[in-house]
Amino acid sequence: MSSIDSLLAARPARRTDADALVAIGCFGLACVAGLEGAFVGLERLGFWFDELFTARLIEPDGTSLMARIATDMHPPVYLVLLSLYSQVPGDGDAALRSLSALAACAAIPVFVTATRRAFSLPGRLFGAAMATGSLFWFFQAQNARSYALCLLISAGILACCLALLDERQGRGNARLLLGGLIALMFTGLFVHFDVMYESLAVLIMLFVLSRRYRHVTATAATALLLASALYMKLIVEPHALVSFSDNWYQK
C-alpha cells in the first residue's frame, strides 16, 4: 500500500509540470501573436484628430520644435522623442505609429521580468497574453500618441518598486533603484501628466510599506507636484492654444 500511495502522490507533480509547460507554450504563443499584431496594418487607417495634431506639431514650419510643443497642453518628452525618431523611418502614418508599437511591445518583457519573484512564469505569461490580446493595448500600440510610451515607463516603475520592496536589497542597490525609480517618474511626468498620479500612488505605497524610504518618497512626491504645477503655470497657461475656461474639464 505504501508503494501505491507514493505513486499516486507522484502523479500530480508530473501532471503539474506538464500543465505548466502547456501553459507556458500556449500563453507564450499568444504573447508572440499579440506582439506581432502590433505592427500589422499600421497604415491601414488614416490618422484620427489627435494623431493629426501630433503630426502637425513635429512637422517643421519655420518655428522651433519647442515653440510648437508649447502650444499643446501635453508635456514635451514624447513629441521630442517622436521628432527625433521620425528622422529614421520618416513621418508617414506607419512610421510615426511604429514608435508606439515598439514601446508597447517593450513594456511586455519588462512586466514579465519585473514580476518574476511575485508570480510563476505561466502566471506572468497569462497576464502578458491578456495584455497583448486586449483592445486597449492594441489600440495604444497603433496610436501615434504618448500612451504606449507611458505603458513602458509604467512597467519600469513597477519593476523598480517591486525590487525596492525586496528586503534583501543592499543599500547600494537600493540607492540605484530609488534613483532609477525617481528618474522614470519625472520622465513619465513629462510624457503625460497621468503618469504623475500613478507615480504618487507608488510613492505613497512605498512610504506606507517601507520605513527606510519614507524621507525620499515624501521628497520625491513633493518635487513631482511642484514640477507639474510649474510646467502648467509657466508653459501651458501662457502658450497653449487650449481654452482653460471653456472645455470639458470644467463640466
C-alpha atoms as a PDB file:
ATOM      1  CA  MET A   1       0.000   0.000   0.000  1.00  0.00           C
ATOM      2  CA  SER A   2       2.818   2.384   0.780  1.00  0.00           C
ATOM      3  CA  SER A   3       4.279   1.983  -2.739  1.00  0.00           C
ATOM      4  CA  ILE A   4       0.865   2.584  -4.328  1.00  0.00           C
ATOM      5  CA  ASP A   5       0.359   5.653  -2.155  1.00  0.00           C
ATOM      6  CA  SER A   6       3.743   7.017  -3.214  1.00  0.00           C
ATOM      7  CA  LEU A   7       2.900   6.522  -6.914  1.00  0.00           C
ATOM      8  CA  LEU A   8      -0.425   8.289  -6.507  1.00  0.00           C
ATOM      9  CA  ALA A   9       1.310  11.113  -4.715  1.00  0.00           C
ATOM     10  CA  ALA A  10       3.861  11.459  -7.519  1.00  0.00           C
ATOM     11  CA  ARG A  11       1.333  11.723 -10.331  1.00  0.00           C
ATOM     12  CA  PRO A  12       0.019  15.209  -9.509  1.00  0.00           C
ATOM     13  CA  ALA A  13       3.574  16.555  -9.564  1.00  0.00           C
ATOM     14  CA  ARG A  14       4.203  15.177 -13.054  1.00  0.00           C
ATOM     15  CA  ARG A  15       0.814  16.444 -14.199  1.00  0.00           C
ATOM     16  CA  THR A  16       1.552  19.854 -12.699  1.00  0.00           C
ATOM     17  CA  ASP A  17       4.850  20.050 -14.588  1.00  0.00           C
ATOM     18  CA  ALA A  18       3.128  19.089 -17.825  1.00  0.00           C
ATOM     19  CA  ASP A  19       0.349  21.610 -17.223  1.00  0.00           C
ATOM     20  CA  ALA A  20       2.923  24.319 -16.607  1.00  0.00           C
ATOM     21  CA  LEU A  21       4.715  23.510 -19.865  1.00  0.00           C
ATOM     22  CA  VAL A  22       1.442  23.587 -21.794  1.00  0.00           C
ATOM     23  CA  ALA A  23       0.500  26.905 -20.166  1.00  0.00           C
ATOM     24  CA  ILE A  24       3.912  28.409 -20.913  1.00  0.00           C
ATOM     25  CA  GLY A  25       3.709  27.288 -24.538  1.00  0.00           C
ATOM     26  CA  CYS A  26       0.133  28.476 -25.115  1.00  0.00           C
ATOM     27  CA  PHE A  27       0.443  31.797 -23.319  1.00  0.00           C
ATOM     28  CA  GLY A  28       3.850  32.391 -24.862  1.00  0.00           C
ATOM     29  CA  LEU A  29       2.456  31.854 -28.360  1.00  0.00           C
ATOM     30  CA  ALA A  30      -0.448  34.171 -27.561  1.00  0.00           C
ATOM     31  CA  CYS A  31       2.039  36.857 -26.485  1.00  0.00           C
ATOM     32  CA  VAL A  32       4.099  36.428 -29.663  1.00  0.00           C
ATOM     33  CA  ALA A  33       0.961  36.703 -31.803  1.00  0.00           C
ATOM     34  CA  GLY A  34      -0.091  39.855 -29.980  1.00  0.00           C
ATOM     35  CA  LEU A  35       3.364  41.428 -30.256  1.00  0.00           C
ATOM     36  CA  GLU A  36       3.498  40.698 -33.983  1.00  0.00           C
ATOM     37  CA  GLY A  37      -0.029  42.031 -34.393  1.00  0.00           C
ATOM     38  CA  ALA A  38       1.042  45.416 -33.051  1.00  0.00           C
ATOM     39  CA  PHE A  39       2.931  46.014 -36.306  1.00  0.00           C
ATOM     40  CA  VAL A  40       0.244  44.708 -38.684  1.00  0.00           C
ATOM     41  CA  GLY A  41      -1.810  47.308 -40.528  1.00  0.00           C
ATOM     42  CA  LEU A  42      -0.150  50.394 -39.061  1.00  0.00           C
ATOM     43  CA  GLU A  43      -1.002  52.314 -42.212  1.00  0.00           C
ATOM     44  CA  ARG A  44      -4.435  50.751 -42.833  1.00  0.00           C
ATOM     45  CA  LEU A  45      -6.424  53.614 -41.290  1.00  0.00           C
ATOM     46  CA  GLY A  46      -5.642  57.306 -41.579  1.00  0.00           C
ATOM     47  CA  PHE A  47      -4.737  59.466 -38.610  1.00  0.00           C
ATOM     48  CA  TRP A  48      -7.531  60.449 -36.256  1.00  0.00           C
ATOM     49  CA  PHE A  49      -7.723  64.000 -34.867  1.00  0.00           C
ATOM     50  CA  ASP A  50      -5.194  63.653 -32.030  1.00  0.00           C
ATOM     51  CA  GLU A  51      -2.688  61.897 -34.289  1.00  0.00           C
ATOM     52  CA  LEU A  52      -3.061  64.645 -36.878  1.00  0.00           C
ATOM     53  CA  PHE A  53      -2.298  67.179 -34.163  1.00  0.00           C
ATOM     54  CA  THR A  54       0.788  65.176 -33.179  1.00  0.00           C
ATOM     55  CA  ALA A  55       1.995  65.075 -36.780  1.00  0.00           C
ATOM     56  CA  ARG A  56       1.443  68.816 -37.157  1.00  0.00           C
ATOM     57  CA  LEU A  57       3.466  69.615 -34.038  1.00  0.00           C
ATOM     58  CA  ILE A  58       6.559  67.727 -35.198  1.00  0.00           C
ATOM     59  CA  GLU A  59       6.358  68.970 -38.791  1.00  0.00           C
ATOM     60  CA  PRO A  60       8.842  71.836 -39.421  1.00  0.00           C
ATOM     61  CA  ASP A  61       7.086  75.089 -40.287  1.00  0.00           C
ATOM     62  CA  GLY A  62       9.734  77.733 -39.699  1.00  0.00           C
ATOM     63  CA  THR A  63       9.301  77.784 -35.913  1.00  0.00           C
ATOM     64  CA  SER A  64      11.223  75.778 -33.332  1.00  0.00           C
ATOM     65  CA  LEU A  65      10.000  72.381 -32.175  1.00  0.00           C
ATOM     66  CA  MET A  66       9.721  73.542 -28.561  1.00  0.00           C
ATOM     67  CA  ALA A  67       7.697  76.596 -29.591  1.00  0.00           C
ATOM     68  CA  ARG A  68       5.214  74.330 -31.375  1.00  0.00           C
ATOM     69  CA  ILE A  69       5.093  71.880 -28.459  1.00  0.00           C
ATOM     70  CA  ALA A  70       4.330  74.747 -26.068  1.00  0.00           C
ATOM     71  CA  THR A  71       1.045  75.342 -27.903  1.00  0.00           C
ATOM     72  CA  ASP A  72      -0.132  71.891 -26.741  1.00  0.00           C
ATOM     73  CA  MET A  73      -1.151  71.234 -23.162  1.00  0.00           C
ATOM     74  CA  HIS A  74       0.708  67.913 -23.097  1.00  0.00           C
ATOM     75  CA  PRO A  75       4.315  67.634 -21.833  1.00  0.00           C
ATOM     76  CA  PRO A  76       7.167  67.619 -24.365  1.00  0.00           C
ATOM     77  CA  VAL A  77       9.130  64.353 -23.969  1.00  0.00           C
ATOM     78  CA  TYR A  78       7.077  62.163 -26.316  1.00  0.00           C
ATOM     79  CA  LEU A  79       6.920  64.793 -29.038  1.00  0.00           C
ATOM     80  CA  VAL A  80      10.674  65.439 -28.851  1.00  0.00           C
ATOM     81  CA  LEU A  81      11.354  61.697 -28.986  1.00  0.00           C
ATOM     82  CA  LEU A  82       8.939  61.215 -31.888  1.00  0.00           C
ATOM     83  CA  SER A  83      10.538  64.100 -33.788  1.00  0.00           C
ATOM     84  CA  LEU A  84      13.972  62.511 -33.396  1.00  0.00           C
ATOM     85  CA  TYR A  85      12.644  59.034 -34.211  1.00  0.00           C
ATOM     86  CA  SER A  86      10.937  60.271 -37.389  1.00  0.00           C
ATOM     87  CA  GLN A  87      14.333  61.196 -38.800  1.00  0.00           C
ATOM     88  CA  VAL A  88      14.958  57.472 -39.375  1.00  0.00           C
ATOM     89  CA  PRO A  89      11.714  55.860 -40.682  1.00  0.00           C
ATOM     90  CA  GLY A  90      10.102  59.088 -41.912  1.00  0.00           C
ATOM     91  CA  ASP A  91       6.864  60.822 -40.992  1.00  0.00           C
ATOM     92  CA  GLY A  92       4.273  58.594 -42.672  1.00  0.00           C
ATOM     93  CA  ASP A  93       1.356  57.096 -40.788  1.00  0.00           C
ATOM     94  CA  ALA A  94       3.033  53.725 -40.218  1.00  0.00           C
ATOM     95  CA  ALA A  95       6.383  55.316 -39.375  1.00  0.00           C
ATOM     96  CA  LEU A  96       5.010  57.578 -36.648  1.00  0.00           C
ATOM     97  CA  ARG A  97       2.825  54.829 -35.210  1.00  0.00           C
ATOM     98  CA  SER A  98       5.703  52.350 -35.139  1.00  0.00           C
ATOM     99  CA  LEU A  99       7.284  54.143 -32.169  1.00  0.00           C
ATOM    100  CA  SER A 100       4.169  53.380 -30.124  1.00  0.00           C
ATOM    101  CA  ALA A 101       4.239  49.769 -31.329  1.00  0.00           C
ATOM    102  CA  LEU A 102       7.846  49.403 -30.202  1.00  0.00           C
ATOM    103  CA  ALA A 103       7.128  50.971 -26.808  1.00  0.00           C
ATOM    104  CA  ALA A 104       4.026  48.856 -26.178  1.00  0.00           C
ATOM    105  CA  CYS A 105       5.882  45.676 -27.130  1.00  0.00           C
ATOM    106  CA  ALA A 106       8.875  46.573 -24.939  1.00  0.00           C
ATOM    107  CA  ALA A 107       6.555  47.009 -21.946  1.00  0.00           C
ATOM    108  CA  ILE A 108       5.594  43.320 -22.080  1.00  0.00           C
ATOM    109  CA  PRO A 109       9.031  41.724 -21.394  1.00  0.00           C
ATOM    110  CA  VAL A 110       9.690  44.403 -18.770  1.00  0.00           C
ATOM    111  CA  PHE A 111       6.479  43.368 -16.999  1.00  0.00           C
ATOM    112  CA  VAL A 112       7.256  39.652 -17.282  1.00  0.00           C
ATOM    113  CA  THR A 113      10.766  40.183 -15.888  1.00  0.00           C
ATOM    114  CA  ALA A 114       9.730  42.608 -13.136  1.00  0.00           C
ATOM    115  CA  THR A 115       7.143  40.266 -11.630  1.00  0.00           C
ATOM    116  CA  ARG A 116       9.270  37.101 -11.643  1.00  0.00           C
ATOM    117  CA  ARG A 117       9.545  36.977  -7.833  1.00  0.00           C
ATOM    118  CA  ALA A 118       5.832  37.525  -7.301  1.00  0.00           C
ATOM    119  CA  PHE A 119       4.278  35.199  -9.895  1.00  0.00           C
ATOM    120  CA  SER A 120       5.100  31.964 -11.685  1.00  0.00           C
ATOM    121  CA  LEU A 121       6.141  32.028 -15.338  1.00  0.00           C
ATOM    122  CA  PRO A 122       2.748  30.684 -16.507  1.00  0.00           C
ATOM    123  CA  GLY A 123       1.029  33.369 -14.425  1.00  0.00           C
ATOM    124  CA  ARG A 124       3.214  36.130 -15.861  1.00  0.00           C
ATOM    125  CA  LEU A 125       2.741  34.925 -19.415  1.00  0.00           C
ATOM    126  CA  PHE A 126      -1.015  34.718 -18.821  1.00  0.00           C
ATOM    127  CA  GLY A 127      -1.021  38.366 -17.727  1.00  0.00           C
ATOM    128  CA  ALA A 128       1.116  39.316 -20.726  1.00  0.00           C
ATOM    129  CA  ALA A 129      -1.198  37.394 -23.078  1.00  0.00           C
ATOM    130  CA  MET A 130      -4.216  39.166 -21.603  1.00  0.00           C
ATOM    131  CA  ALA A 131      -2.491  42.491 -22.215  1.00  0.00           C
ATOM    132  CA  THR A 132      -1.375  41.844 -25.795  1.00  0.00           C
ATOM    133  CA  GLY A 133      -4.788  40.386 -26.614  1.00  0.00           C
ATOM    134  CA  SER A 134      -6.705  43.376 -25.271  1.00  0.00           C
ATOM    135  CA  LEU A 135      -8.227  46.049 -27.498  1.00  0.00           C
ATOM    136  CA  PHE A 136      -6.772  48.775 -25.265  1.00  0.00           C
ATOM    137  CA  TRP A 137      -3.171  47.576 -25.655  1.00  0.00           C
ATOM    138  CA  PHE A 138      -3.588  47.011 -29.395  1.00  0.00           C
ATOM    139  CA  PHE A 139      -5.112  50.461 -29.936  1.00  0.00           C
ATOM    140  CA  GLN A 140      -2.365  52.230 -27.993  1.00  0.00           C
ATOM    141  CA  ALA A 141       0.291  50.194 -29.819  1.00  0.00           C
ATOM    142  CA  GLN A 142      -1.020  51.630 -33.094  1.00  0.00           C
ATOM    143  CA  ASN A 143      -1.741  55.148 -31.855  1.00  0.00           C
ATOM    144  CA  ALA A 144       0.725  57.952 -32.599  1.00  0.00           C
ATOM    145  CA  ARG A 145       0.257  59.412 -29.141  1.00  0.00           C
ATOM    146  CA  SER A 146       2.194  59.149 -25.895  1.00  0.00           C
ATOM    147  CA  TYR A 147       0.193  56.403 -24.176  1.00  0.00           C
ATOM    148  CA  ALA A 148       2.247  53.410 -25.307  1.00  0.00           C
ATOM    149  CA  LEU A 149       5.390  55.124 -24.042  1.00  0.00           C
ATOM    150  CA  CYS A 150       3.555  55.624 -20.748  1.00  0.00           C
ATOM    151  CA  LEU A 151       2.932  51.863 -20.627  1.00  0.00           C
ATOM    152  CA  LEU A 152       6.656  51.208 -20.993  1.00  0.00           C
ATOM    153  CA  ILE A 153       7.575  53.748 -18.312  1.00  0.00           C
ATOM    154  CA  SER A 154       4.885  52.332 -16.018  1.00  0.00           C
ATOM    155  CA  ALA A 155       6.352  48.846 -16.425  1.00  0.00           C
ATOM    156  CA  GLY A 156       9.749  50.257 -15.452  1.00  0.00           C
ATOM    157  CA  ILE A 157       8.239  51.953 -12.394  1.00  0.00           C
ATOM    158  CA  LEU A 158       6.639  48.642 -11.416  1.00  0.00           C
ATOM    159  CA  ALA A 159       9.986  46.861 -11.770  1.00  0.00           C
ATOM    160  CA  CYS A 160      11.825  49.360  -9.555  1.00  0.00           C
ATOM    161  CA  CYS A 161       9.068  49.410  -6.944  1.00  0.00           C
ATOM    162  CA  LEU A 162       8.903  45.620  -6.597  1.00  0.00           C
ATOM    163  CA  ALA A 163      12.694  45.425  -6.342  1.00  0.00           C
ATOM    164  CA  LEU A 164      12.735  48.083  -3.615  1.00  0.00           C
ATOM    165  CA  LEU A 165      10.188  46.110  -1.591  1.00  0.00           C
ATOM    166  CA  ASP A 166      12.581  43.154  -1.568  1.00  0.00           C
ATOM    167  CA  GLU A 167      14.186  43.338   1.886  1.00  0.00           C
ATOM    168  CA  ARG A 168      17.276  41.532   0.606  1.00  0.00           C
ATOM    169  CA  GLN A 169      18.334  44.606  -1.378  1.00  0.00           C
ATOM    170  CA  GLY A 170      21.599  46.119  -0.167  1.00  0.00           C
ATOM    171  CA  ARG A 171      21.924  49.846   0.425  1.00  0.00           C
ATOM    172  CA  GLY A 172      23.922  50.389  -2.747  1.00  0.00           C
ATOM    173  CA  ASN A 173      21.373  48.642  -4.957  1.00  0.00           C
ATOM    174  CA  ALA A 174      18.533  50.369  -3.131  1.00  0.00           C
ATOM    175  CA  ARG A 175      20.021  53.781  -3.900  1.00  0.00           C
ATOM    176  CA  LEU A 176      20.388  52.901  -7.575  1.00  0.00           C
ATOM    177  CA  LEU A 177      16.826  51.606  -7.720  1.00  0.00           C
ATOM    178  CA  LEU A 178      15.492  54.709  -5.987  1.00  0.00           C
ATOM    179  CA  GLY A 179      17.374  56.902  -8.423  1.00  0.00           C
ATOM    180  CA  GLY A 180      16.045  54.928 -11.368  1.00  0.00           C
ATOM    181  CA  LEU A 181      12.510  54.996  -9.968  1.00  0.00           C
ATOM    182  CA  ILE A 182      12.533  58.764  -9.487  1.00  0.00           C
ATOM    183  CA  ALA A 183      14.105  59.323 -12.917  1.00  0.00           C
ATOM    184  CA  LEU A 184      11.364  57.221 -14.540  1.00  0.00           C
ATOM    185  CA  MET A 185       8.692  59.110 -12.630  1.00  0.00           C
ATOM    186  CA  PHE A 186       9.979  62.502 -13.744  1.00  0.00           C
ATOM    187  CA  THR A 187      10.369  61.261 -17.308  1.00  0.00           C
ATOM    188  CA  GLY A 188       6.823  59.908 -17.218  1.00  0.00           C
ATOM    189  CA  LEU A 189       5.536  63.184 -15.795  1.00  0.00           C
ATOM    190  CA  PHE A 190       6.840  64.993 -18.867  1.00  0.00           C
ATOM    191  CA  VAL A 191       5.467  62.322 -21.203  1.00  0.00           C
ATOM    192  CA  HIS A 192       1.907  62.558 -19.871  1.00  0.00           C
ATOM    193  CA  PHE A 193       0.571  64.133 -16.695  1.00  0.00           C
ATOM    194  CA  ASP A 194      -1.420  60.989 -15.855  1.00  0.00           C
ATOM    195  CA  VAL A 195       1.851  59.251 -15.009  1.00  0.00           C
ATOM    196  CA  MET A 196       2.175  61.697 -12.110  1.00  0.00           C
ATOM    197  CA  TYR A 197      -0.908  60.215 -10.450  1.00  0.00           C
ATOM    198  CA  GLU A 198       0.445  56.707 -10.891  1.00  0.00           C
ATOM    199  CA  SER A 199       3.806  57.824  -9.504  1.00  0.00           C
ATOM    200  CA  LEU A 200       2.203  59.431  -6.463  1.00  0.00           C
ATOM    201  CA  ALA A 201       0.280  56.214  -5.772  1.00  0.00           C
ATOM    202  CA  VAL A 202       3.512  54.189  -5.965  1.00  0.00           C
ATOM    203  CA  LEU A 203       5.341  56.627  -3.683  1.00  0.00           C
ATOM    204  CA  ILE A 204       2.502  56.500  -1.155  1.00  0.00           C
ATOM    205  CA  MET A 205       2.651  52.699  -1.115  1.00  0.00           C
ATOM    206  CA  LEU A 206       6.427  52.747  -0.635  1.00  0.00           C
ATOM    207  CA  PHE A 207       6.006  55.293   2.159  1.00  0.00           C
ATOM    208  CA  VAL A 208       3.491  53.035   3.918  1.00  0.00           C
ATOM    209  CA  LEU A 209       5.211  49.693   3.355  1.00  0.00           C
ATOM    210  CA  SER A 210       8.858  50.598   3.907  1.00  0.00           C
ATOM    211  CA  ARG A 211      10.144  52.931   6.622  1.00  0.00           C
ATOM    212  CA  ARG A 212      13.633  53.133   5.101  1.00  0.00           C
ATOM    213  CA  TYR A 213      12.369  55.062   2.059  1.00  0.00           C
ATOM    214  CA  ARG A 214       9.972  57.474   3.740  1.00  0.00           C
ATOM    215  CA  HIS A 215      12.086  60.628   3.539  1.00  0.00           C
ATOM    216  CA  VAL A 216      12.988  60.021  -0.107  1.00  0.00           C
ATOM    217  CA  THR A 217       9.461  59.150  -1.194  1.00  0.00           C
ATOM    218  CA  ALA A 218       7.956  62.185   0.547  1.00  0.00           C
ATOM    219  CA  THR A 219      10.541  64.461  -1.074  1.00  0.00           C
ATOM    220  CA  ALA A 220      10.013  62.895  -4.496  1.00  0.00           C
ATOM    221  CA  ALA A 221       6.234  63.267  -4.260  1.00  0.00           C
ATOM    222  CA  THR A 222       6.564  66.935  -3.346  1.00  0.00           C
ATOM    223  CA  ALA A 223       9.011  67.520  -6.208  1.00  0.00           C
ATOM    224  CA  LEU A 224       6.668  65.843  -8.714  1.00  0.00           C
ATOM    225  CA  LEU A 225       3.766  68.038  -7.667  1.00  0.00           C
ATOM    226  CA  LEU A 226       5.875  71.189  -7.824  1.00  0.00           C
ATOM    227  CA  ALA A 227       7.323  70.304 -11.234  1.00  0.00           C
ATOM    228  CA  SER A 228       3.903  69.662 -12.747  1.00  0.00           C
ATOM    229  CA  ALA A 229       2.457  72.836 -11.238  1.00  0.00           C
ATOM    230  CA  LEU A 230       5.362  74.956 -12.514  1.00  0.00           C
ATOM    231  CA  TYR A 231       5.099  73.483 -16.019  1.00  0.00           C
ATOM    232  CA  MET A 232       1.383  74.197 -16.135  1.00  0.00           C
ATOM    233  CA  LYS A 233       1.818  77.740 -14.795  1.00  0.00           C
ATOM    234  CA  LEU A 234       4.902  78.798 -16.754  1.00  0.00           C
ATOM    235  CA  ILE A 235       4.498  76.901 -20.036  1.00  0.00           C
ATOM    236  CA  VAL A 236       0.983  75.618 -20.609  1.00  0.00           C
ATOM    237  CA  GLU A 237      -1.128  78.536 -19.395  1.00  0.00           C
ATOM    238  CA  PRO A 238       0.754  81.290 -21.299  1.00  0.00           C
ATOM    239  CA  HIS A 239       1.282  79.385 -24.570  1.00  0.00           C
ATOM    240  CA  ALA A 240      -1.253  76.568 -25.012  1.00  0.00           C
ATOM    241  CA  LEU A 241      -3.999  77.041 -27.590  1.00  0.00           C
ATOM    242  CA  VAL A 242      -6.440  75.205 -25.309  1.00  0.00           C
ATOM    243  CA  SER A 243      -9.054  77.304 -23.516  1.00  0.00           C
ATOM    244  CA  PHE A 244      -8.984  76.603 -19.780  1.00  0.00           C
ATOM    245  CA  SER A 245     -12.245  78.422 -19.147  1.00  0.00           C
ATOM    246  CA  ASP A 246     -14.404  76.577 -21.695  1.00  0.00           C
ATOM    247  CA  ASN A 247     -13.569  72.902 -22.128  1.00  0.00           C
ATOM    248  CA  TRP A 248     -14.768  69.502 -20.982  1.00  0.00           C
ATOM    249  CA  TYR A 249     -12.575  69.621 -17.855  1.00  0.00           C
ATOM    250  CA  GLN A 250     -14.888  72.301 -16.496  1.00  0.00           C
ATOM    251  CA  LYS A 251     -18.030  70.164 -16.948  1.00  0.00           C
END
